Amino acid sequence: MRRPIIATPVGDLPELFEKRAFGVLAADATASAYRDALRSALALDASQFGPALEAFAAEFDVAATARQFLQDVGGEVR
């Protein structure tokens, strides 16, 4: 949707947020921290995240990932 991501710091998300600025990461995984992250995001110009969002969209493209997986396991690519 080409909008900044607002997330809590769970799983691999903190590492991804360190890699590129594509949104706002909450301070912790609580409702109040998520609320604060939303408020912070609303105060920002969403267009500043465009380049990072485009890069991640390309990196995490489902169709491209499936094709690569099939190539890696020796399957037929369509």
N, C-alpha and C. Protein backbone atom coordinates (compact mmCIF):
# COMPACT_ATOMS: atom_id res chain seq x y z
N MET A 1 0.82 -1.20 0.00
CA MET A 1 0.00 0.00 0.00
C MET A 1 0.86 1.27 0.00
N ARG A 2 2.17 1.08 0.05
CA ARG A 2 3.11 2.19 0.01
C ARG A 2 2.90 3.18 1.17
N ARG A 3 2.67 2.63 2.32
CA ARG A 3 2.52 3.43 3.54
C ARG A 3 3.54 2.97 4.55
N PRO A 4 4.01 3.87 5.41
CA PRO A 4 4.98 3.48 6.44
C PRO A 4 4.41 2.37 7.33
N ILE A 5 5.28 1.52 7.80
CA ILE A 5 4.91 0.42 8.68
C ILE A 5 5.05 0.89 10.13
N ILE A 6 4.04 0.62 10.94
CA ILE A 6 4.12 0.88 12.38
C ILE A 6 4.04 -0.49 13.03
N ALA A 7 5.05 -0.83 13.82
CA ALA A 7 5.13 -2.19 14.36
C ALA A 7 5.69 -2.20 15.77
N THR A 8 5.50 -3.33 16.43
CA THR A 8 6.11 -3.56 17.74
C THR A 8 7.40 -4.35 17.54
N PRO A 9 8.34 -4.26 18.46
CA PRO A 9 9.64 -4.91 18.30
C PRO A 9 9.60 -6.40 18.64
N VAL A 10 9.01 -7.18 17.76
CA VAL A 10 8.94 -8.63 17.95
C VAL A 10 9.57 -9.31 16.73
N GLY A 11 10.03 -10.53 16.94
CA GLY A 11 10.61 -11.30 15.84
C GLY A 11 11.78 -10.58 15.19
N ASP A 12 11.79 -10.58 13.85
CA ASP A 12 12.88 -9.97 13.09
C ASP A 12 12.65 -8.48 12.83
N LEU A 13 11.54 -7.94 13.27
CA LEU A 13 11.23 -6.54 12.94
C LEU A 13 12.28 -5.54 13.42
N PRO A 14 12.82 -5.65 14.64
CA PRO A 14 13.84 -4.68 15.02
C PRO A 14 15.05 -4.69 14.06
N GLU A 15 15.46 -5.86 13.62
CA GLU A 15 16.59 -5.97 12.69
C GLU A 15 16.24 -5.33 11.35
N LEU A 16 15.03 -5.54 10.87
CA LEU A 16 14.60 -4.95 9.61
C LEU A 16 14.53 -3.42 9.72
N PHE A 17 14.04 -2.91 10.84
CA PHE A 17 13.98 -1.47 11.03
C PHE A 17 15.38 -0.86 11.12
N GLU A 18 16.35 -1.58 11.62
CA GLU A 18 17.74 -1.09 11.64
C GLU A 18 18.31 -1.02 10.22
N LYS A 19 17.89 -1.95 9.39
CA LYS A 19 18.41 -2.03 8.03
C LYS A 19 17.96 -0.85 7.18
N ARG A 20 16.69 -0.48 7.27
CA ARG A 20 16.12 0.62 6.48
C ARG A 20 15.04 1.33 7.29
N ALA A 21 14.92 2.63 7.06
CA ALA A 21 13.88 3.42 7.72
C ALA A 21 12.61 3.35 6.88
N PHE A 22 11.72 2.43 7.22
CA PHE A 22 10.49 2.26 6.44
C PHE A 22 9.24 2.47 7.27
N GLY A 23 9.39 3.02 8.47
CA GLY A 23 8.25 3.28 9.33
C GLY A 23 8.70 3.60 10.74
N VAL A 24 7.82 3.33 11.68
CA VAL A 24 8.09 3.63 13.09
C VAL A 24 7.97 2.34 13.90
N LEU A 25 9.01 2.05 14.66
CA LEU A 25 9.03 0.87 15.53
C LEU A 25 8.70 1.32 16.95
N ALA A 26 7.70 0.70 17.56
CA ALA A 26 7.33 1.02 18.94
C ALA A 26 8.48 0.69 19.88
N ALA A 27 8.50 1.35 21.01
CA ALA A 27 9.56 1.14 22.01
C ALA A 27 9.51 -0.27 22.60
N ASP A 28 8.31 -0.80 22.75
CA ASP A 28 8.16 -2.18 23.22
C ASP A 28 6.82 -2.73 22.74
N ALA A 29 6.52 -3.95 23.10
CA ALA A 29 5.32 -4.63 22.60
C ALA A 29 4.14 -4.45 23.54
N THR A 30 3.77 -3.20 23.77
CA THR A 30 2.61 -2.90 24.61
C THR A 30 1.65 -2.00 23.82
N ALA A 31 0.43 -1.97 24.27
CA ALA A 31 -0.56 -1.12 23.60
C ALA A 31 -0.16 0.36 23.68
N SER A 32 0.34 0.79 24.83
CA SER A 32 0.70 2.20 24.97
C SER A 32 1.90 2.55 24.09
N ALA A 33 2.85 1.66 23.96
CA ALA A 33 4.00 1.91 23.08
C ALA A 33 3.56 1.94 21.62
N TYR A 34 2.62 1.09 21.26
CA TYR A 34 2.10 1.09 19.88
C TYR A 34 1.34 2.39 19.62
N ARG A 35 0.56 2.82 20.60
CA ARG A 35 -0.16 4.10 20.47
C ARG A 35 0.82 5.25 20.23
N ASP A 36 1.91 5.27 21.00
CA ASP A 36 2.92 6.32 20.85
C ASP A 36 3.58 6.26 19.48
N ALA A 37 3.83 5.05 18.98
CA ALA A 37 4.43 4.90 17.65
C ALA A 37 3.47 5.41 16.57
N LEU A 38 2.18 5.13 16.72
CA LEU A 38 1.19 5.65 15.78
C LEU A 38 1.17 7.17 15.79
N ARG A 39 1.21 7.75 16.97
CA ARG A 39 1.23 9.22 17.07
C ARG A 39 2.48 9.78 16.40
N SER A 40 3.61 9.14 16.62
CA SER A 40 4.85 9.59 16.00
C SER A 40 4.76 9.51 14.48
N ALA A 41 4.22 8.41 13.99
CA ALA A 41 4.10 8.21 12.55
C ALA A 41 3.19 9.26 11.92
N LEU A 42 2.10 9.61 12.59
CA LEU A 42 1.16 10.59 12.05
C LEU A 42 1.78 11.98 11.95
N ALA A 43 2.80 12.24 12.75
CA ALA A 43 3.47 13.54 12.73
C ALA A 43 4.54 13.63 11.64
N LEU A 44 4.83 12.52 10.97
CA LEU A 44 5.89 12.48 9.96
C LEU A 44 5.32 12.60 8.55
N ASP A 45 6.17 13.00 7.63
CA ASP A 45 5.81 13.01 6.21
C ASP A 45 5.97 11.59 5.69
N ALA A 46 4.88 10.95 5.32
CA ALA A 46 4.91 9.55 4.88
C ALA A 46 5.80 9.34 3.67
N SER A 47 5.95 10.36 2.84
CA SER A 47 6.76 10.19 1.62
C SER A 47 8.23 9.94 1.91
N GLN A 48 8.70 10.30 3.09
CA GLN A 48 10.12 10.08 3.41
C GLN A 48 10.47 8.59 3.49
N PHE A 49 9.47 7.74 3.63
CA PHE A 49 9.70 6.31 3.75
C PHE A 49 9.64 5.59 2.39
N GLY A 50 9.29 6.32 1.33
CA GLY A 50 9.10 5.73 0.01
C GLY A 50 10.24 4.86 -0.48
N PRO A 51 11.47 5.37 -0.51
CA PRO A 51 12.57 4.56 -1.03
C PRO A 51 12.78 3.24 -0.26
N ALA A 52 12.69 3.29 1.05
CA ALA A 52 12.87 2.06 1.83
C ALA A 52 11.72 1.10 1.61
N LEU A 53 10.50 1.62 1.50
CA LEU A 53 9.34 0.75 1.25
C LEU A 53 9.45 0.08 -0.11
N GLU A 54 9.91 0.81 -1.12
CA GLU A 54 10.10 0.23 -2.45
C GLU A 54 11.15 -0.88 -2.40
N ALA A 55 12.24 -0.63 -1.69
CA ALA A 55 13.31 -1.63 -1.60
C ALA A 55 12.81 -2.91 -0.91
N PHE A 56 12.07 -2.75 0.18
CA PHE A 56 11.55 -3.92 0.88
C PHE A 56 10.49 -4.64 0.06
N ALA A 57 9.67 -3.89 -0.67
CA ALA A 57 8.65 -4.53 -1.51
C ALA A 57 9.32 -5.43 -2.55
N ALA A 58 10.42 -4.98 -3.10
CA ALA A 58 11.15 -5.80 -4.07
C ALA A 58 11.81 -6.99 -3.39
N GLU A 59 12.40 -6.76 -2.23
CA GLU A 59 13.11 -7.82 -1.52
C GLU A 59 12.17 -8.92 -1.02
N PHE A 60 10.95 -8.56 -0.65
CA PHE A 60 10.01 -9.52 -0.08
C PHE A 60 8.85 -9.83 -1.02
N ASP A 61 9.08 -9.71 -2.32
CA ASP A 61 8.05 -10.01 -3.31
C ASP A 61 7.74 -11.51 -3.27
N VAL A 62 6.49 -11.85 -3.04
CA VAL A 62 6.08 -13.25 -2.87
C VAL A 62 6.32 -14.06 -4.14
N ALA A 63 5.94 -13.52 -5.29
CA ALA A 63 6.11 -14.26 -6.54
C ALA A 63 7.59 -14.50 -6.83
N ALA A 64 8.42 -13.50 -6.63
CA ALA A 64 9.86 -13.66 -6.87
C ALA A 64 10.47 -14.66 -5.89
N THR A 65 10.02 -14.62 -4.65
CA THR A 65 10.52 -15.56 -3.65
C THR A 65 10.13 -16.99 -4.01
N ALA A 66 8.90 -17.18 -4.47
CA ALA A 66 8.44 -18.52 -4.87
C ALA A 66 9.24 -19.04 -6.07
N ARG A 67 9.48 -18.16 -7.05
CA ARG A 67 10.28 -18.57 -8.21
C ARG A 67 11.69 -18.97 -7.78
N GLN A 68 12.30 -18.18 -6.90
CA GLN A 68 13.64 -18.49 -6.43
C GLN A 68 13.66 -19.81 -5.67
N PHE A 69 12.66 -20.04 -4.85
CA PHE A 69 12.56 -21.29 -4.11
C PHE A 69 12.50 -22.48 -5.06
N LEU A 70 11.65 -22.38 -6.08
CA LEU A 70 11.54 -23.47 -7.05
C LEU A 70 12.87 -23.71 -7.78
N GLN A 71 13.56 -22.65 -8.12
CA GLN A 71 14.86 -22.82 -8.76
C GLN A 71 15.84 -23.50 -7.81
N ASP A 72 15.82 -23.10 -6.55
CA ASP A 72 16.76 -23.66 -5.57
C ASP A 72 16.53 -25.15 -5.32
N VAL A 73 15.29 -25.59 -5.40
CA VAL A 73 14.99 -26.99 -5.15
C VAL A 73 14.91 -27.80 -6.43
N GLY A 74 15.21 -27.16 -7.55
CA GLY A 74 15.26 -27.88 -8.83
C GLY A 74 13.92 -28.07 -9.48
N GLY A 75 12.93 -27.30 -9.05
CA GLY A 75 11.61 -27.43 -9.66
C GLY A 75 11.50 -26.62 -10.94
N GLU A 76 10.39 -26.81 -11.57
CA GLU A 76 10.11 -26.09 -12.81
C GLU A 76 9.59 -24.69 -12.49
N VAL A 77 10.12 -23.70 -13.19
CA VAL A 77 9.68 -22.31 -12.99
C VAL A 77 8.75 -21.94 -14.11
N ARG A 78 7.61 -21.37 -13.76
CA ARG A 78 6.62 -20.95 -14.76
C ARG A 78 6.58 -19.46 -14.85
